Amino acid sequence: MSPRTEPRTGTGTRTRARTRTRTRTRDADAMAVTAFVLGLVGLLVMNLLLGPVAVVLGALALYRRPTRPGRARLAIALGITDVLVLVCLVTADGTWSWSLT
């Protein structure tokens, strides 16, 4: 029998599904790490932009079920903290950025 006329056993479908699941999990892990880093950086600079981005990316990563969901949860917490720091800064001295003077 030639390779073209052999009957299909269905293993190709399972392999594709496993590959798709691995890719989706890898993407979720990368999204969680990215959100975490943005949340950390957002504590120092660009709170208004990086905080909400960290929250959204962390939530999307949780939705896609990463292997370590703690990173995504921590990213959401850091994003919310970024926004709270911004609110404290604006309330304290009316500025949208850090000032040392």
PDB file of N, CA and C in Angstrom:
ATOM      1  N   MET A   1       0.821  -1.181   0.000  1.00  0.00           N
ATOM      2  CA  MET A   1       0.000   0.000   0.000  1.00  0.00           C
ATOM      3  C   MET A   1       0.868   1.248   0.000  1.00  0.00           C
ATOM      4  N   SER A   2       0.534   2.188  -0.787  1.00  0.00           N
ATOM      5  CA  SER A   2       1.295   3.429  -0.809  1.00  0.00           C
ATOM      6  C   SER A   2       0.862   4.303   0.374  1.00  0.00           C
ATOM      7  N   PRO A   3       1.700   5.244   0.767  1.00  0.00           N
ATOM      8  CA  PRO A   3       1.369   6.100   1.909  1.00  0.00           C
ATOM      9  C   PRO A   3       0.085   6.897   1.704  1.00  0.00           C
ATOM     10  N   ARG A   4      -0.272   7.168   0.469  1.00  0.00           N
ATOM     11  CA  ARG A   4      -1.469   7.971   0.223  1.00  0.00           C
ATOM     12  C   ARG A   4      -2.747   7.169   0.396  1.00  0.00           C
ATOM     13  N   THR A   5      -2.687   5.875   0.216  1.00  0.00           N
ATOM     14  CA  THR A   5      -3.905   5.075   0.292  1.00  0.00           C
ATOM     15  C   THR A   5      -4.079   4.385   1.637  1.00  0.00           C
ATOM     16  N   GLU A   6      -3.149   4.570   2.590  1.00  0.00           N
ATOM     17  CA  GLU A   6      -3.296   3.958   3.898  1.00  0.00           C
ATOM     18  C   GLU A   6      -4.452   4.613   4.637  1.00  0.00           C
ATOM     19  N   PRO A   7      -5.203   3.825   5.366  1.00  0.00           N
ATOM     20  CA  PRO A   7      -6.312   4.415   6.128  1.00  0.00           C
ATOM     21  C   PRO A   7      -5.787   5.270   7.283  1.00  0.00           C
ATOM     22  N   ARG A   8      -6.520   6.298   7.596  1.00  0.00           N
ATOM     23  CA  ARG A   8      -6.135   7.184   8.695  1.00  0.00           C
ATOM     24  C   ARG A   8      -6.574   6.560  10.006  1.00  0.00           C
ATOM     25  N   THR A   9      -5.727   6.655  10.998  1.00  0.00           N
ATOM     26  CA  THR A   9      -6.033   6.062  12.294  1.00  0.00           C
ATOM     27  C   THR A   9      -6.598   7.074  13.287  1.00  0.00           C
ATOM     28  N   GLY A  10      -6.568   8.324  12.967  1.00  0.00           N
ATOM     29  CA  GLY A  10      -7.110   9.345  13.853  1.00  0.00           C
ATOM     30  C   GLY A  10      -6.087   9.921  14.814  1.00  0.00           C
ATOM     31  N   THR A  11      -4.866   9.435  14.802  1.00  0.00           N
ATOM     32  CA  THR A  11      -3.859   9.954  15.725  1.00  0.00           C
ATOM     33  C   THR A  11      -3.446  11.371  15.362  1.00  0.00           C
ATOM     34  N   GLY A  12      -3.590  11.747  14.122  1.00  0.00           N
ATOM     35  CA  GLY A  12      -3.231  13.109  13.717  1.00  0.00           C
ATOM     36  C   GLY A  12      -4.108  14.139  14.386  1.00  0.00           C
ATOM     37  N   THR A  13      -5.373  13.825  14.574  1.00  0.00           N
ATOM     38  CA  THR A  13      -6.289  14.760  15.231  1.00  0.00           C
ATOM     39  C   THR A  13      -5.906  14.944  16.683  1.00  0.00           C
ATOM     40  N   ARG A  14      -5.568  13.844  17.371  1.00  0.00           N
ATOM     41  CA  ARG A  14      -5.155  13.950  18.767  1.00  0.00           C
ATOM     42  C   ARG A  14      -3.849  14.719  18.905  1.00  0.00           C
ATOM     43  N   THR A  15      -2.945  14.496  17.996  1.00  0.00           N
ATOM     44  CA  THR A  15      -1.660  15.191  18.036  1.00  0.00           C
ATOM     45  C   THR A  15      -1.863  16.688  17.844  1.00  0.00           C
ATOM     46  N   ARG A  16      -2.719  17.045  16.903  1.00  0.00           N
ATOM     47  CA  ARG A  16      -2.999  18.462  16.679  1.00  0.00           C
ATOM     48  C   ARG A  16      -3.657  19.087  17.899  1.00  0.00           C
ATOM     49  N   ALA A  17      -4.563  18.371  18.545  1.00  0.00           N
ATOM     50  CA  ALA A  17      -5.239  18.898  19.733  1.00  0.00           C
ATOM     51  C   ALA A  17      -4.247  19.087  20.874  1.00  0.00           C
ATOM     52  N   ARG A  18      -3.335  18.127  21.062  1.00  0.00           N
ATOM     53  CA  ARG A  18      -2.324  18.259  22.108  1.00  0.00           C
ATOM     54  C   ARG A  18      -1.392  19.432  21.820  1.00  0.00           C
ATOM     55  N   THR A  19      -1.001  19.586  20.568  1.00  0.00           N
ATOM     56  CA  THR A  19      -0.119  20.689  20.188  1.00  0.00           C
ATOM     57  C   THR A  19      -0.819  22.023  20.418  1.00  0.00           C
ATOM     58  N   ARG A  20      -2.091  22.097  20.069  1.00  0.00           N
ATOM     59  CA  ARG A  20      -2.857  23.324  20.264  1.00  0.00           C
ATOM     60  C   ARG A  20      -2.960  23.651  21.757  1.00  0.00           C
ATOM     61  N   THR A  21      -3.175  22.630  22.591  1.00  0.00           N
ATOM     62  CA  THR A  21      -3.276  22.841  24.033  1.00  0.00           C
ATOM     63  C   THR A  21      -1.947  23.315  24.602  1.00  0.00           C
ATOM     64  N   ARG A  22      -0.845  22.681  24.166  1.00  0.00           N
ATOM     65  CA  ARG A  22       0.473  23.103  24.645  1.00  0.00           C
ATOM     66  C   ARG A  22       0.773  24.538  24.233  1.00  0.00           C
ATOM     67  N   THR A  23       0.437  24.888  23.010  1.00  0.00           N
ATOM     68  CA  THR A  23       0.676  26.248  22.524  1.00  0.00           C
ATOM     69  C   THR A  23      -0.149  27.249  23.317  1.00  0.00           C
ATOM     70  N   ARG A  24      -1.402  26.904  23.585  1.00  0.00           N
ATOM     71  CA  ARG A  24      -2.270  27.801  24.342  1.00  0.00           C
ATOM     72  C   ARG A  24      -1.749  27.988  25.765  1.00  0.00           C
ATOM     73  N   THR A  25      -1.271  26.914  26.389  1.00  0.00           N
ATOM     74  CA  THR A  25      -0.721  27.008  27.741  1.00  0.00           C
ATOM     75  C   THR A  25       0.558  27.832  27.745  1.00  0.00           C
ATOM     76  N   ARG A  26       1.396  27.622  26.750  1.00  0.00           N
ATOM     77  CA  ARG A  26       2.638  28.397  26.643  1.00  0.00           C
ATOM     78  C   ARG A  26       2.327  29.882  26.454  1.00  0.00           C
ATOM     79  N   ASP A  27       1.326  30.190  25.640  1.00  0.00           N
ATOM     80  CA  ASP A  27       0.929  31.583  25.448  1.00  0.00           C
ATOM     81  C   ASP A  27       0.398  32.186  26.748  1.00  0.00           C
ATOM     82  N   ALA A  28      -0.372  31.406  27.494  1.00  0.00           N
ATOM     83  CA  ALA A  28      -0.915  31.893  28.763  1.00  0.00           C
ATOM     84  C   ALA A  28       0.207  32.149  29.757  1.00  0.00           C
ATOM     85  N   ASP A  29       1.202  31.265  29.799  1.00  0.00           N
ATOM     86  CA  ASP A  29       2.341  31.470  30.692  1.00  0.00           C
ATOM     87  C   ASP A  29       3.112  32.730  30.309  1.00  0.00           C
ATOM     88  N   ALA A  30       3.340  32.926  29.025  1.00  0.00           N
ATOM     89  CA  ALA A  30       4.051  34.117  28.561  1.00  0.00           C
ATOM     90  C   ALA A  30       3.254  35.375  28.875  1.00  0.00           C
ATOM     91  N   MET A  31       1.953  35.306  28.723  1.00  0.00           N
ATOM     92  CA  MET A  31       1.105  36.447  29.026  1.00  0.00           C
ATOM     93  C   MET A  31       1.157  36.791  30.517  1.00  0.00           C
ATOM     94  N   ALA A  32       1.164  35.751  31.366  1.00  0.00           N
ATOM     95  CA  ALA A  32       1.222  35.974  32.809  1.00  0.00           C
ATOM     96  C   ALA A  32       2.552  36.619  33.212  1.00  0.00           C
ATOM     97  N   VAL A  33       3.646  36.151  32.634  1.00  0.00           N
ATOM     98  CA  VAL A  33       4.960  36.720  32.956  1.00  0.00           C
ATOM     99  C   VAL A  33       5.039  38.165  32.462  1.00  0.00           C
ATOM    100  N   THR A  34       4.541  38.418  31.270  1.00  0.00           N
ATOM    101  CA  THR A  34       4.543  39.776  30.733  1.00  0.00           C
ATOM    102  C   THR A  34       3.722  40.710  31.612  1.00  0.00           C
ATOM    103  N   ALA A  35       2.558  40.252  32.036  1.00  0.00           N
ATOM    104  CA  ALA A  35       1.708  41.068  32.908  1.00  0.00           C
ATOM    105  C   ALA A  35       2.403  41.346  34.234  1.00  0.00           C
ATOM    106  N   PHE A  36       3.087  40.336  34.775  1.00  0.00           N
ATOM    107  CA  PHE A  36       3.815  40.516  36.034  1.00  0.00           C
ATOM    108  C   PHE A  36       4.910  41.570  35.895  1.00  0.00           C
ATOM    109  N   VAL A  37       5.678  41.484  34.818  1.00  0.00           N
ATOM    110  CA  VAL A  37       6.763  42.455  34.602  1.00  0.00           C
ATOM    111  C   VAL A  37       6.193  43.858  34.403  1.00  0.00           C
ATOM    112  N   LEU A  38       5.116  43.972  33.645  1.00  0.00           N
ATOM    113  CA  LEU A  38       4.501  45.284  33.441  1.00  0.00           C
ATOM    114  C   LEU A  38       3.965  45.842  34.756  1.00  0.00           C
ATOM    115  N   GLY A  39       3.423  44.983  35.604  1.00  0.00           N
ATOM    116  CA  GLY A  39       2.947  45.431  36.903  1.00  0.00           C
ATOM    117  C   GLY A  39       4.081  45.935  37.782  1.00  0.00           C
ATOM    118  N   LEU A  40       5.212  45.237  37.756  1.00  0.00           N
ATOM    119  CA  LEU A  40       6.369  45.682  38.538  1.00  0.00           C
ATOM    120  C   LEU A  40       6.916  47.015  38.036  1.00  0.00           C
ATOM    121  N   VAL A  41       7.080  47.116  36.740  1.00  0.00           N
ATOM    122  CA  VAL A  41       7.601  48.360  36.158  1.00  0.00           C
ATOM    123  C   VAL A  41       6.605  49.495  36.385  1.00  0.00           C
ATOM    124  N   GLY A  42       5.338  49.177  36.350  1.00  0.00           N
ATOM    125  CA  GLY A  42       4.305  50.191  36.552  1.00  0.00           C
ATOM    126  C   GLY A  42       4.321  50.810  37.935  1.00  0.00           C
ATOM    127  N   LEU A  43       4.896  50.118  38.911  1.00  0.00           N
ATOM    128  CA  LEU A  43       5.000  50.722  40.240  1.00  0.00           C
ATOM    129  C   LEU A  43       5.918  51.936  40.227  1.00  0.00           C
ATOM    130  N   LEU A  44       6.862  51.968  39.295  1.00  0.00           N
ATOM    131  CA  LEU A  44       7.831  53.062  39.233  1.00  0.00           C
ATOM    132  C   LEU A  44       7.514  54.102  38.173  1.00  0.00           C
ATOM    133  N   VAL A  45       7.094  53.667  36.998  1.00  0.00           N
ATOM    134  CA  VAL A  45       6.838  54.603  35.900  1.00  0.00           C
ATOM    135  C   VAL A  45       5.542  54.233  35.182  1.00  0.00           C
ATOM    136  N   MET A  46       4.915  55.232  34.621  1.00  0.00           N
ATOM    137  CA  MET A  46       3.743  55.057  33.756  1.00  0.00           C
ATOM    138  C   MET A  46       2.634  54.223  34.402  1.00  0.00           C
ATOM    139  N   ASN A  47       2.278  54.562  35.643  1.00  0.00           N
ATOM    140  CA  ASN A  47       1.248  53.837  36.383  1.00  0.00           C
ATOM    141  C   ASN A  47      -0.073  53.796  35.632  1.00  0.00           C
ATOM    142  N   LEU A  48      -0.443  54.910  35.040  1.00  0.00           N
ATOM    143  CA  LEU A  48      -1.734  55.026  34.382  1.00  0.00           C
ATOM    144  C   LEU A  48      -1.877  54.062  33.208  1.00  0.00           C
ATOM    145  N   LEU A  49      -0.796  53.796  32.517  1.00  0.00           N
ATOM    146  CA  LEU A  49      -0.842  52.915  31.352  1.00  0.00           C
ATOM    147  C   LEU A  49      -0.553  51.459  31.722  1.00  0.00           C
ATOM    148  N   LEU A  50       0.521  51.227  32.460  1.00  0.00           N
ATOM    149  CA  LEU A  50       0.966  49.864  32.720  1.00  0.00           C
ATOM    150  C   LEU A  50       0.089  49.116  33.723  1.00  0.00           C
ATOM    151  N   GLY A  51      -0.516  49.813  34.663  1.00  0.00           N
ATOM    152  CA  GLY A  51      -1.375  49.160  35.642  1.00  0.00           C
ATOM    153  C   GLY A  51      -2.571  48.459  35.011  1.00  0.00           C
ATOM    154  N   PRO A  52      -3.392  49.175  34.250  1.00  0.00           N
ATOM    155  CA  PRO A  52      -4.531  48.515  33.609  1.00  0.00           C
ATOM    156  C   PRO A  52      -4.123  47.438  32.589  1.00  0.00           C
ATOM    157  N   VAL A  53      -3.000  47.655  31.899  1.00  0.00           N
ATOM    158  CA  VAL A  53      -2.532  46.635  30.951  1.00  0.00           C
ATOM    159  C   VAL A  53      -2.163  45.349  31.699  1.00  0.00           C
ATOM    160  N   ALA A  54      -1.523  45.488  32.857  1.00  0.00           N
ATOM    161  CA  ALA A  54      -1.160  44.322  33.658  1.00  0.00           C
ATOM    162  C   ALA A  54      -2.403  43.589  34.149  1.00  0.00           C
ATOM    163  N   VAL A  55      -3.423  44.331  34.524  1.00  0.00           N
ATOM    164  CA  VAL A  55      -4.670  43.704  34.990  1.00  0.00           C
ATOM    165  C   VAL A  55      -5.331  42.929  33.853  1.00  0.00           C
ATOM    166  N   VAL A  56      -5.417  43.535  32.691  1.00  0.00           N
ATOM    167  CA  VAL A  56      -6.078  42.880  31.551  1.00  0.00           C
ATOM    168  C   VAL A  56      -5.291  41.646  31.101  1.00  0.00           C
ATOM    169  N   LEU A  57      -3.978  41.777  30.963  1.00  0.00           N
ATOM    170  CA  LEU A  57      -3.171  40.625  30.547  1.00  0.00           C
ATOM    171  C   LEU A  57      -3.213  39.505  31.580  1.00  0.00           C
ATOM    172  N   GLY A  58      -3.187  39.859  32.855  1.00  0.00           N
ATOM    173  CA  GLY A  58      -3.281  38.847  33.906  1.00  0.00           C
ATOM    174  C   GLY A  58      -4.613  38.117  33.871  1.00  0.00           C
ATOM    175  N   ALA A  59      -5.691  38.857  33.638  1.00  0.00           N
ATOM    176  CA  ALA A  59      -7.011  38.234  33.554  1.00  0.00           C
ATOM    177  C   ALA A  59      -7.117  37.328  32.325  1.00  0.00           C
ATOM    178  N   LEU A  60      -6.574  37.768  31.202  1.00  0.00           N
ATOM    179  CA  LEU A  60      -6.586  36.924  30.000  1.00  0.00           C
ATOM    180  C   LEU A  60      -5.759  35.657  30.207  1.00  0.00           C
ATOM    181  N   ALA A  61      -4.629  35.798  30.889  1.00  0.00           N
ATOM    182  CA  ALA A  61      -3.801  34.624  31.169  1.00  0.00           C
ATOM    183  C   ALA A  61      -4.553  33.646  32.063  1.00  0.00           C
ATOM    184  N   LEU A  62      -5.254  34.147  33.081  1.00  0.00           N
ATOM    185  CA  LEU A  62      -6.042  33.255  33.943  1.00  0.00           C
ATOM    186  C   LEU A  62      -7.143  32.557  33.161  1.00  0.00           C
ATOM    187  N   TYR A  63      -7.751  33.272  32.232  1.00  0.00           N
ATOM    188  CA  TYR A  63      -8.807  32.690  31.412  1.00  0.00           C
ATOM    189  C   TYR A  63      -8.279  31.536  30.559  1.00  0.00           C
ATOM    190  N   ARG A  64      -7.024  31.656  30.128  1.00  0.00           N
ATOM    191  CA  ARG A  64      -6.422  30.614  29.288  1.00  0.00           C
ATOM    192  C   ARG A  64      -5.754  29.500  30.080  1.00  0.00           C
ATOM    193  N   ARG A  65      -5.830  29.553  31.395  1.00  0.00           N
ATOM    194  CA  ARG A  65      -5.330  28.517  32.302  1.00  0.00           C
ATOM    195  C   ARG A  65      -3.836  28.238  32.152  1.00  0.00           C
ATOM    196  N   PRO A  66      -2.999  29.093  32.723  1.00  0.00           N
ATOM    197  CA  PRO A  66      -1.544  28.843  32.682  1.00  0.00           C
ATOM    198  C   PRO A  66      -1.167  27.715  33.638  1.00  0.00           C
ATOM    199  N   THR A  67       0.057  27.219  33.507  1.00  0.00           N
ATOM    200  CA  THR A  67       0.507  26.151  34.399  1.00  0.00           C
ATOM    201  C   THR A  67       0.719  26.671  35.813  1.00  0.00           C
ATOM    202  N   ARG A  68       1.093  27.931  35.951  1.00  0.00           N
ATOM    203  CA  ARG A  68       1.259  28.556  37.262  1.00  0.00           C
ATOM    204  C   ARG A  68       0.366  29.795  37.346  1.00  0.00           C
ATOM    205  N   PRO A  69      -0.864  29.640  37.794  1.00  0.00           N
ATOM    206  CA  PRO A  69      -1.790  30.779  37.825  1.00  0.00           C
ATOM    207  C   PRO A  69      -1.422  31.846  38.850  1.00  0.00           C
ATOM    208  N   GLY A  70      -0.526  31.537  39.767  1.00  0.00           N
ATOM    209  CA  GLY A  70      -0.115  32.530  40.761  1.00  0.00           C
ATOM    210  C   GLY A  70       0.530  33.753  40.139  1.00  0.00           C
ATOM    211  N   ARG A  71       1.254  33.542  39.063  1.00  0.00           N
ATOM    212  CA  ARG A  71       1.877  34.683  38.369  1.00  0.00           C
ATOM    213  C   ARG A  71       0.814  35.628  37.834  1.00  0.00           C
ATOM    214  N   ALA A  72      -0.217  35.075  37.248  1.00  0.00           N
ATOM    215  CA  ALA A  72      -1.277  35.911  36.694  1.00  0.00           C
ATOM    216  C   ALA A  72      -2.020  36.643  37.812  1.00  0.00           C
ATOM    217  N   ARG A  73      -2.276  35.954  38.914  1.00  0.00           N
ATOM    218  CA  ARG A  73      -2.952  36.603  40.043  1.00  0.00           C
ATOM    219  C   ARG A  73      -2.091  37.721  40.626  1.00  0.00           C
ATOM    220  N   LEU A  74      -0.796  37.468  40.737  1.00  0.00           N
ATOM    221  CA  LEU A  74       0.117  38.495  41.240  1.00  0.00           C
ATOM    222  C   LEU A  74       0.180  39.684  40.276  1.00  0.00           C
ATOM    223  N   ALA A  75       0.131  39.423  38.981  1.00  0.00           N
ATOM    224  CA  ALA A  75       0.127  40.505  37.995  1.00  0.00           C
ATOM    225  C   ALA A  75      -1.116  41.368  38.147  1.00  0.00           C
ATOM    226  N   ILE A  76      -2.256  40.740  38.386  1.00  0.00           N
ATOM    227  CA  ILE A  76      -3.493  41.504  38.592  1.00  0.00           C
ATOM    228  C   ILE A  76      -3.369  42.359  39.853  1.00  0.00           C
ATOM    229  N   ALA A  77      -2.832  41.772  40.918  1.00  0.00           N
ATOM    230  CA  ALA A  77      -2.651  42.523  42.167  1.00  0.00           C
ATOM    231  C   ALA A  77      -1.690  43.696  41.975  1.00  0.00           C
ATOM    232  N   LEU A  78      -0.601  43.473  41.237  1.00  0.00           N
ATOM    233  CA  LEU A  78       0.344  44.564  40.976  1.00  0.00           C
ATOM    234  C   LEU A  78      -0.282  45.657  40.110  1.00  0.00           C
ATOM    235  N   GLY A  79      -1.085  45.272  39.125  1.00  0.00           N
ATOM    236  CA  GLY A  79      -1.760  46.260  38.285  1.00  0.00           C
ATOM    237  C   GLY A  79      -2.715  47.130  39.088  1.00  0.00           C
ATOM    238  N   ILE A  80      -3.452  46.502  40.001  1.00  0.00           N
ATOM    239  CA  ILE A  80      -4.357  47.272  40.861  1.00  0.00           C
ATOM    240  C   ILE A  80      -3.552  48.174  41.791  1.00  0.00           C
ATOM    241  N   THR A  81      -2.444  47.671  42.297  1.00  0.00           N
ATOM    242  CA  THR A  81      -1.567  48.476  43.147  1.00  0.00           C
ATOM    243  C   THR A  81      -1.006  49.672  42.380  1.00  0.00           C
ATOM    244  N   ASP A  82      -0.675  49.465  41.110  1.00  0.00           N
ATOM    245  CA  ASP A  82      -0.193  50.584  40.276  1.00  0.00           C
ATOM    246  C   ASP A  82      -1.218  51.714  40.239  1.00  0.00           C
ATOM    247  N   VAL A  83      -2.452  51.350  40.023  1.00  0.00           N
ATOM    248  CA  VAL A  83      -3.510  52.362  39.941  1.00  0.00           C
ATOM    249  C   VAL A  83      -3.703  53.026  41.309  1.00  0.00           C
ATOM    250  N   LEU A  84      -3.621  52.253  42.387  1.00  0.00           N
ATOM    251  CA  LEU A  84      -3.754  52.835  43.726  1.00  0.00           C
ATOM    252  C   LEU A  84      -2.606  53.787  44.044  1.00  0.00           C
ATOM    253  N   VAL A  85      -1.403  53.435  43.627  1.00  0.00           N
ATOM    254  CA  VAL A  85      -0.258  54.338  43.820  1.00  0.00           C
ATOM    255  C   VAL A  85      -0.485  55.634  43.050  1.00  0.00           C
ATOM    256  N   LEU A  86      -1.001  55.517  41.847  1.00  0.00           N
ATOM    257  CA  LEU A  86      -1.293  56.717  41.054  1.00  0.00           C
ATOM    258  C   LEU A  86      -2.331  57.592  41.750  1.00  0.00           C
ATOM    259  N   VAL A  87      -3.364  56.973  42.282  1.00  0.00           N
ATOM    260  CA  VAL A  87      -4.400  57.735  42.990  1.00  0.00           C
ATOM    261  C   VAL A  87      -3.800  58.433  44.213  1.00  0.00           C
ATOM    262  N   CYS A  88      -2.936  57.742  44.932  1.00  0.00           N
ATOM    263  CA  CYS A  88      -2.283  58.359  46.098  1.00  0.00           C
ATOM    264  C   CYS A  88      -1.405  59.538  45.677  1.00  0.00           C
ATOM    265  N   LEU A  89      -0.673  59.385  44.585  1.00  0.00           N
ATOM    266  CA  LEU A  89       0.176  60.478  44.096  1.00  0.00           C
ATOM    267  C   LEU A  89      -0.655  61.692  43.696  1.00  0.00           C
ATOM    268  N   VAL A  90      -1.712  61.465  42.992  1.00  0.00           N
ATOM    269  CA  VAL A  90      -2.555  62.579  42.542  1.00  0.00           C
ATOM    270  C   VAL A  90      -3.209  63.247  43.741  1.00  0.00           C
ATOM    271  N   THR A  91      -3.644  62.460  44.712  1.00  0.00           N
ATOM    272  CA  THR A  91      -4.286  63.019  45.895  1.00  0.00           C
ATOM    273  C   THR A  91      -3.292  63.803  46.752  1.00  0.00           C
ATOM    274  N   ALA A  92      -2.081  63.285  46.895  1.00  0.00           N
ATOM    275  CA  ALA A  92      -1.094  63.903  47.782  1.00  0.00           C
ATOM    276  C   ALA A  92      -0.587  65.248  47.271  1.00  0.00           C
ATOM    277  N   ASP A  93      -0.167  65.295  46.010  1.00  0.00           N
ATOM    278  CA  ASP A  93       0.420  66.549  45.537  1.00  0.00           C
ATOM    279  C   ASP A  93      -0.080  66.996  44.167  1.00  0.00           C
ATOM    280  N   GLY A  94      -1.106  66.387  43.659  1.00  0.00           N
ATOM    281  CA  GLY A  94      -1.707  66.846  42.410  1.00  0.00           C
ATOM    282  C   GLY A  94      -0.891  66.565  41.172  1.00  0.00           C
ATOM    283  N   THR A  95       0.067  65.669  41.239  1.00  0.00           N
ATOM    284  CA  THR A  95       0.895  65.359  40.076  1.00  0.00           C
ATOM    285  C   THR A  95       0.569  63.965  39.560  1.00  0.00           C
ATOM    286  N   TRP A  96       0.908  63.712  38.307  1.00  0.00           N
ATOM    287  CA  TRP A  96       0.672  62.406  37.692  1.00  0.00           C
ATOM    288  C   TRP A  96       1.956  61.590  37.634  1.00  0.00           C
ATOM    289  N   SER A  97       3.004  62.054  38.321  1.00  0.00           N
ATOM    290  CA  SER A  97       4.276  61.340  38.288  1.00  0.00           C
ATOM    291  C   SER A  97       4.990  61.464  39.621  1.00  0.00           C
ATOM    292  N   TRP A  98       6.034  60.665  39.789  1.00  0.00           N
ATOM    293  CA  TRP A  98       6.842  60.723  41.002  1.00  0.00           C
ATOM    294  C   TRP A  98       7.600  62.042  41.031  1.00  0.00           C
ATOM    295  N   SER A  99       7.808  62.580  42.193  1.00  0.00           N
ATOM    296  CA  SER A  99       8.673  63.744  42.334  1.00  0.00           C
ATOM    297  C   SER A  99       9.434  63.621  43.655  1.00  0.00           C
ATOM    298  N   LEU A 100      10.713  63.919  43.599  1.00  0.00           N
ATOM    299  CA  LEU A 100      11.552  63.800  44.778  1.00  0.00           C
ATOM    300  C   LEU A 100      11.700  65.122  45.517  1.00  0.00           C
ATOM    301  N   THR A 101      11.187  66.212  44.979  1.00  0.00           N
ATOM    302  CA  THR A 101      11.345  67.502  45.627  1.00  0.00           C
ATOM    303  C   THR A 101      10.109  67.916  46.369  1.00  0.00           C
TER     304      THR A 101
END
